[in-house]
Amino acid sequence: MTLLFGFAPFLLFAILSRLSADLALWLAFAAAFVVTIRDFMESPSLRLLDGASLALFGVLALGRGFVAPELSLAAVRTIVDTGLCLVIFASLLRHQPFSLQYASQDSKGRHWPLPAFIRVNQLISLVWGLSFAAMALADGAVTFLPVSFYLGIAANVVALSFAITFTLRYPVLAAERLPR
């Protein structure tokens, strides 16, 4: 569940972006700042997702606000989705799935064998990476092709719902399969 709090800035952006892209970017940046500072105060280390969200939303809020205000909402959504997708896949390529930084807090005292724990987190990270890739493709299609904005939103909702459901259910299923 802690992992889902790491996505709070993105979720806030996704929900508010229909009202105002600028408002959504600035509030996502503020949420990323709060999440990052709160976690940093508890443990003086920076989680990959928190740092990436802080940088991504900060640069986009400043960029759209002062450099390229004409950037469309679909283009901003494409950049956000692509940025998070790249960060997640980079963590997998480094054999340090981003979800590992959250998983130890969520294990609730359960003792997982290390290989199983790593595999579960690799799969969760892969699902999030693929979900953001699907979202980036959908938003890119809206930006560059004659595709309905609502079709892009529907694809985003399906991909995000799948990632959230998988994150909540898969560790429980994997834990049930562990030898007792």
C-alpha atoms as a PDB file:
ATOM      1  CA  MET A   1       0.000   0.000   0.000  1.00  0.00           C
ATOM      2  CA  THR A   2       2.941   2.313   0.672  1.00  0.00           C
ATOM      3  CA  LEU A   3       3.857   1.979  -3.010  1.00  0.00           C
ATOM      4  CA  LEU A   4       0.532   3.510  -3.987  1.00  0.00           C
ATOM      5  CA  PHE A   5       1.349   6.571  -1.858  1.00  0.00           C
ATOM      6  CA  GLY A   6       4.487   6.941  -3.971  1.00  0.00           C
ATOM      7  CA  PHE A   7       2.187   7.380  -6.967  1.00  0.00           C
ATOM      8  CA  ALA A   8       0.076  10.030  -5.182  1.00  0.00           C
ATOM      9  CA  PRO A   9       1.548  12.932  -7.208  1.00  0.00           C
ATOM     10  CA  PHE A  10       0.825  11.115 -10.464  1.00  0.00           C
ATOM     11  CA  LEU A  11      -2.699  10.166  -9.386  1.00  0.00           C
ATOM     12  CA  LEU A  12      -3.369  13.756  -8.334  1.00  0.00           C
ATOM     13  CA  PHE A  13      -2.104  14.961 -11.703  1.00  0.00           C
ATOM     14  CA  ALA A  14      -4.224  12.405 -13.579  1.00  0.00           C
ATOM     15  CA  ILE A  15      -7.383  13.401 -11.717  1.00  0.00           C
ATOM     16  CA  LEU A  16      -6.906  17.177 -11.862  1.00  0.00           C
ATOM     17  CA  SER A  17      -5.454  17.472 -15.359  1.00  0.00           C
ATOM     18  CA  ARG A  18      -8.913  17.694 -16.934  1.00  0.00           C
ATOM     19  CA  LEU A  19      -9.607  20.834 -14.891  1.00  0.00           C
ATOM     20  CA  SER A  20      -6.330  22.575 -15.629  1.00  0.00           C
ATOM     21  CA  ALA A  21      -3.019  21.165 -16.785  1.00  0.00           C
ATOM     22  CA  ASP A  22      -1.099  23.922 -15.003  1.00  0.00           C
ATOM     23  CA  LEU A  23      -2.956  23.459 -11.723  1.00  0.00           C
ATOM     24  CA  ALA A  24      -2.502  19.689 -11.967  1.00  0.00           C
ATOM     25  CA  LEU A  25       1.252  20.037 -12.594  1.00  0.00           C
ATOM     26  CA  TRP A  26       1.815  22.450  -9.711  1.00  0.00           C
ATOM     27  CA  LEU A  27      -0.269  20.414  -7.269  1.00  0.00           C
ATOM     28  CA  ALA A  28       1.465  17.199  -8.369  1.00  0.00           C
ATOM     29  CA  PHE A  29       4.809  18.938  -7.801  1.00  0.00           C
ATOM     30  CA  ALA A  30       3.653  20.062  -4.332  1.00  0.00           C
ATOM     31  CA  ALA A  31       2.437  16.532  -3.533  1.00  0.00           C
ATOM     32  CA  ALA A  32       5.749  15.066  -4.727  1.00  0.00           C
ATOM     33  CA  PHE A  33       7.583  17.540  -2.501  1.00  0.00           C
ATOM     34  CA  VAL A  34       5.460  16.600   0.531  1.00  0.00           C
ATOM     35  CA  VAL A  35       5.850  12.851  -0.083  1.00  0.00           C
ATOM     36  CA  THR A  36       9.595  13.205  -0.607  1.00  0.00           C
ATOM     37  CA  ILE A  37      10.164  15.366   2.480  1.00  0.00           C
ATOM     38  CA  ARG A  38       7.946  13.176   4.689  1.00  0.00           C
ATOM     39  CA  ASP A  39       9.803  10.032   3.678  1.00  0.00           C
ATOM     40  CA  PHE A  40      13.181  11.757   3.858  1.00  0.00           C
ATOM     41  CA  MET A  41      12.484  12.855   7.450  1.00  0.00           C
ATOM     42  CA  GLU A  42      11.676   9.248   8.433  1.00  0.00           C
ATOM     43  CA  SER A  43      14.706   7.805   6.680  1.00  0.00           C
ATOM     44  CA  PRO A  44      17.370  10.079   5.186  1.00  0.00           C
ATOM     45  CA  SER A  45      17.335   8.455   1.779  1.00  0.00           C
ATOM     46  CA  LEU A  46      15.551   9.337  -1.421  1.00  0.00           C
ATOM     47  CA  ARG A  47      13.339   6.751  -3.096  1.00  0.00           C
ATOM     48  CA  LEU A  48      13.668   6.579  -6.857  1.00  0.00           C
ATOM     49  CA  LEU A  49       9.970   7.150  -7.568  1.00  0.00           C
ATOM     50  CA  ASP A  50       9.757  10.078  -5.144  1.00  0.00           C
ATOM     51  CA  GLY A  51      12.812  11.797  -6.592  1.00  0.00           C
ATOM     52  CA  ALA A  52      11.689  11.155 -10.169  1.00  0.00           C
ATOM     53  CA  SER A  53       8.198  12.542  -9.471  1.00  0.00           C
ATOM     54  CA  LEU A  54       9.648  15.613  -7.786  1.00  0.00           C
ATOM     55  CA  ALA A  55      11.991  16.314 -10.708  1.00  0.00           C
ATOM     56  CA  LEU A  56       9.497  15.436 -13.442  1.00  0.00           C
ATOM     57  CA  PHE A  57       6.595  17.481 -12.110  1.00  0.00           C
ATOM     58  CA  GLY A  58       8.866  20.373 -11.111  1.00  0.00           C
ATOM     59  CA  VAL A  59      10.456  20.621 -14.557  1.00  0.00           C
ATOM     60  CA  LEU A  60       7.107  20.246 -16.324  1.00  0.00           C
ATOM     61  CA  ALA A  61       5.354  22.815 -14.114  1.00  0.00           C
ATOM     62  CA  LEU A  62       8.124  25.344 -14.719  1.00  0.00           C
ATOM     63  CA  GLY A  63       8.466  24.435 -18.403  1.00  0.00           C
ATOM     64  CA  ARG A  64       4.781  24.677 -19.219  1.00  0.00           C
ATOM     65  CA  GLY A  65       4.363  27.732 -17.044  1.00  0.00           C
ATOM     66  CA  PHE A  66       7.286  29.764 -18.385  1.00  0.00           C
ATOM     67  CA  VAL A  67       8.833  28.174 -21.473  1.00  0.00           C
ATOM     68  CA  ALA A  68       6.144  26.335 -23.468  1.00  0.00           C
ATOM     69  CA  PRO A  69       2.669  27.338 -22.274  1.00  0.00           C
ATOM     70  CA  GLU A  70       1.218  26.118 -25.573  1.00  0.00           C
ATOM     71  CA  LEU A  71       2.065  22.489 -24.721  1.00  0.00           C
ATOM     72  CA  SER A  72      -1.197  20.543 -24.931  1.00  0.00           C
ATOM     73  CA  LEU A  73      -2.604  18.466 -22.095  1.00  0.00           C
ATOM     74  CA  ALA A  74      -2.170  15.279 -24.144  1.00  0.00           C
ATOM     75  CA  ALA A  75       1.490  16.157 -24.754  1.00  0.00           C
ATOM     76  CA  VAL A  76       2.058  16.841 -21.043  1.00  0.00           C
ATOM     77  CA  ARG A  77       0.394  13.529 -20.157  1.00  0.00           C
ATOM     78  CA  THR A  78       2.602  11.761 -22.729  1.00  0.00           C
ATOM     79  CA  ILE A  79       5.736  13.290 -21.182  1.00  0.00           C
ATOM     80  CA  VAL A  80       4.683  12.350 -17.635  1.00  0.00           C
ATOM     81  CA  ASP A  81       3.809   8.764 -18.597  1.00  0.00           C
ATOM     82  CA  THR A  82       6.987   8.332 -20.648  1.00  0.00           C
ATOM     83  CA  GLY A  83       9.151   9.787 -17.874  1.00  0.00           C
ATOM     84  CA  LEU A  84       7.745   7.469 -15.223  1.00  0.00           C
ATOM     85  CA  CYS A  85       7.935   4.504 -17.617  1.00  0.00           C
ATOM     86  CA  LEU A  86      11.629   5.183 -18.282  1.00  0.00           C
ATOM     87  CA  VAL A  87      12.412   5.517 -14.569  1.00  0.00           C
ATOM     88  CA  ILE A  88      10.692   2.227 -13.797  1.00  0.00           C
ATOM     89  CA  PHE A  89      12.388   0.331 -16.631  1.00  0.00           C
ATOM     90  CA  ALA A  90      15.757   1.822 -15.646  1.00  0.00           C
ATOM     91  CA  SER A  91      15.253   0.443 -12.132  1.00  0.00           C
ATOM     92  CA  LEU A  92      14.561  -2.996 -13.618  1.00  0.00           C
ATOM     93  CA  LEU A  93      17.641  -2.825 -15.846  1.00  0.00           C
ATOM     94  CA  ARG A  94      19.746  -2.001 -12.775  1.00  0.00           C
ATOM     95  CA  HIS A  95      18.245  -5.074 -11.039  1.00  0.00           C
ATOM     96  CA  GLN A  96      16.854  -2.731  -8.369  1.00  0.00           C
ATOM     97  CA  PRO A  97      13.087  -2.741  -8.980  1.00  0.00           C
ATOM     98  CA  PHE A  98      11.708   0.544  -7.694  1.00  0.00           C
ATOM     99  CA  SER A  99       9.024  -1.271  -5.681  1.00  0.00           C
ATOM    100  CA  LEU A 100      11.694  -2.841  -3.427  1.00  0.00           C
ATOM    101  CA  GLN A 101      12.076   0.518  -1.697  1.00  0.00           C
ATOM    102  CA  TYR A 102       8.441   0.311  -0.592  1.00  0.00           C
ATOM    103  CA  ALA A 103       8.025  -3.448  -0.168  1.00  0.00           C
ATOM    104  CA  SER A 104       9.973  -3.879   3.053  1.00  0.00           C
ATOM    105  CA  GLN A 105       7.544  -1.530   4.804  1.00  0.00           C
ATOM    106  CA  ASP A 106       4.552  -3.414   3.407  1.00  0.00           C
ATOM    107  CA  SER A 107       5.693  -6.926   4.346  1.00  0.00           C
ATOM    108  CA  LYS A 108       4.178  -6.499   7.848  1.00  0.00           C
ATOM    109  CA  GLY A 109       6.620  -8.788   9.583  1.00  0.00           C
ATOM    110  CA  ARG A 110       6.216 -11.636   7.091  1.00  0.00           C
ATOM    111  CA  HIS A 111       9.476 -13.310   6.314  1.00  0.00           C
ATOM    112  CA  TRP A 112       9.869 -13.825   2.618  1.00  0.00           C
ATOM    113  CA  PRO A 113      12.681 -15.867   1.100  1.00  0.00           C
ATOM    114  CA  LEU A 114      14.864 -13.304  -0.634  1.00  0.00           C
ATOM    115  CA  PRO A 115      14.580 -14.780  -4.188  1.00  0.00           C
ATOM    116  CA  ALA A 116      10.769 -14.826  -3.968  1.00  0.00           C
ATOM    117  CA  PHE A 117      10.710 -11.309  -2.533  1.00  0.00           C
ATOM    118  CA  ILE A 118      12.879 -10.024  -5.395  1.00  0.00           C
ATOM    119  CA  ARG A 119      10.786 -11.857  -8.035  1.00  0.00           C
ATOM    120  CA  VAL A 120       7.535 -10.425  -6.672  1.00  0.00           C
ATOM    121  CA  ASN A 121       8.971  -6.905  -6.777  1.00  0.00           C
ATOM    122  CA  GLN A 122      10.402  -7.368 -10.245  1.00  0.00           C
ATOM    123  CA  LEU A 123       6.992  -8.427 -11.499  1.00  0.00           C
ATOM    124  CA  ILE A 124       5.189  -5.567  -9.750  1.00  0.00           C
ATOM    125  CA  SER A 125       7.687  -3.080 -11.178  1.00  0.00           C
ATOM    126  CA  LEU A 126       7.347  -4.640 -14.641  1.00  0.00           C
ATOM    127  CA  VAL A 127       3.546  -4.336 -14.502  1.00  0.00           C
ATOM    128  CA  TRP A 128       3.818  -0.651 -13.535  1.00  0.00           C
ATOM    129  CA  GLY A 129       6.371  -0.049 -16.300  1.00  0.00           C
ATOM    130  CA  LEU A 130       4.157  -1.733 -18.902  1.00  0.00           C
ATOM    131  CA  SER A 131       1.122   0.176 -17.632  1.00  0.00           C
ATOM    132  CA  PHE A 132       2.937   3.493 -18.012  1.00  0.00           C
ATOM    133  CA  ALA A 133       4.157   2.404 -21.462  1.00  0.00           C
ATOM    134  CA  ALA A 134       0.549   1.688 -22.489  1.00  0.00           C
ATOM    135  CA  MET A 135      -0.536   5.033 -21.064  1.00  0.00           C
ATOM    136  CA  ALA A 136       2.273   6.849 -22.895  1.00  0.00           C
ATOM    137  CA  LEU A 137       1.271   5.173 -26.161  1.00  0.00           C
ATOM    138  CA  ALA A 138      -2.391   6.091 -25.648  1.00  0.00           C
ATOM    139  CA  ASP A 139      -1.545   9.702 -24.786  1.00  0.00           C
ATOM    140  CA  GLY A 140       0.935   9.863 -27.654  1.00  0.00           C
ATOM    141  CA  ALA A 141      -1.770   8.660 -30.037  1.00  0.00           C
ATOM    142  CA  VAL A 142      -4.074  11.414 -28.771  1.00  0.00           C
ATOM    143  CA  THR A 143      -1.276  13.973 -29.233  1.00  0.00           C
ATOM    144  CA  PHE A 144      -0.049  12.968 -32.673  1.00  0.00           C
ATOM    145  CA  LEU A 145      -2.895  11.009 -34.322  1.00  0.00           C
ATOM    146  CA  PRO A 146      -6.575  11.692 -34.809  1.00  0.00           C
ATOM    147  CA  VAL A 147      -7.547   9.643 -31.741  1.00  0.00           C
ATOM    148  CA  SER A 148     -10.291  10.712 -29.345  1.00  0.00           C
ATOM    149  CA  PHE A 149      -9.099  12.176 -26.047  1.00  0.00           C
ATOM    150  CA  TYR A 150     -11.687  10.022 -24.277  1.00  0.00           C
ATOM    151  CA  LEU A 151     -10.263   6.858 -25.819  1.00  0.00           C
ATOM    152  CA  GLY A 152      -6.887   7.882 -24.408  1.00  0.00           C
ATOM    153  CA  ILE A 153      -8.433   8.484 -20.991  1.00  0.00           C
ATOM    154  CA  ALA A 154     -10.145   5.077 -21.112  1.00  0.00           C
ATOM    155  CA  ALA A 155      -6.836   3.375 -21.936  1.00  0.00           C
ATOM    156  CA  ASN A 156      -5.199   5.225 -19.037  1.00  0.00           C
ATOM    157  CA  VAL A 157      -7.919   4.173 -16.597  1.00  0.00           C
ATOM    158  CA  VAL A 158      -7.680   0.521 -17.657  1.00  0.00           C
ATOM    159  CA  ALA A 159      -3.856   0.460 -17.434  1.00  0.00           C
ATOM    160  CA  LEU A 160      -3.790   2.248 -14.089  1.00  0.00           C
ATOM    161  CA  SER A 161      -6.572   0.092 -12.636  1.00  0.00           C
ATOM    162  CA  PHE A 162      -4.741  -3.049 -13.695  1.00  0.00           C
ATOM    163  CA  ALA A 163      -1.462  -1.910 -12.109  1.00  0.00           C
ATOM    164  CA  ILE A 164      -3.138  -0.933  -8.837  1.00  0.00           C
ATOM    165  CA  THR A 165      -5.146  -4.166  -8.633  1.00  0.00           C
ATOM    166  CA  PHE A 166      -2.067  -6.249  -9.437  1.00  0.00           C
ATOM    167  CA  THR A 167      -0.010  -4.416  -6.809  1.00  0.00           C
ATOM    168  CA  LEU A 168      -2.623  -5.072  -4.136  1.00  0.00           C
ATOM    169  CA  ARG A 169      -3.401  -8.699  -5.014  1.00  0.00           C
ATOM    170  CA  TYR A 170      -0.246 -10.340  -6.357  1.00  0.00           C
ATOM    171  CA  PRO A 171       1.868 -10.187  -3.170  1.00  0.00           C
ATOM    172  CA  VAL A 172      -0.958 -11.881  -1.240  1.00  0.00           C
ATOM    173  CA  LEU A 173      -1.204 -14.658  -3.852  1.00  0.00           C
ATOM    174  CA  ALA A 174       2.568 -15.082  -3.939  1.00  0.00           C
ATOM    175  CA  ALA A 175       2.732 -15.266  -0.130  1.00  0.00           C
ATOM    176  CA  GLU A 176       0.091 -18.017  -0.124  1.00  0.00           C
ATOM    177  CA  ARG A 177       2.299 -20.082  -2.449  1.00  0.00           C
ATOM    178  CA  LEU A 178       5.317 -19.852  -0.151  1.00  0.00           C
ATOM    179  CA  PRO A 179       6.213 -23.067   1.690  1.00  0.00           C
ATOM    180  CA  ARG A 180       5.227 -22.891   5.320  1.00  0.00           C
END
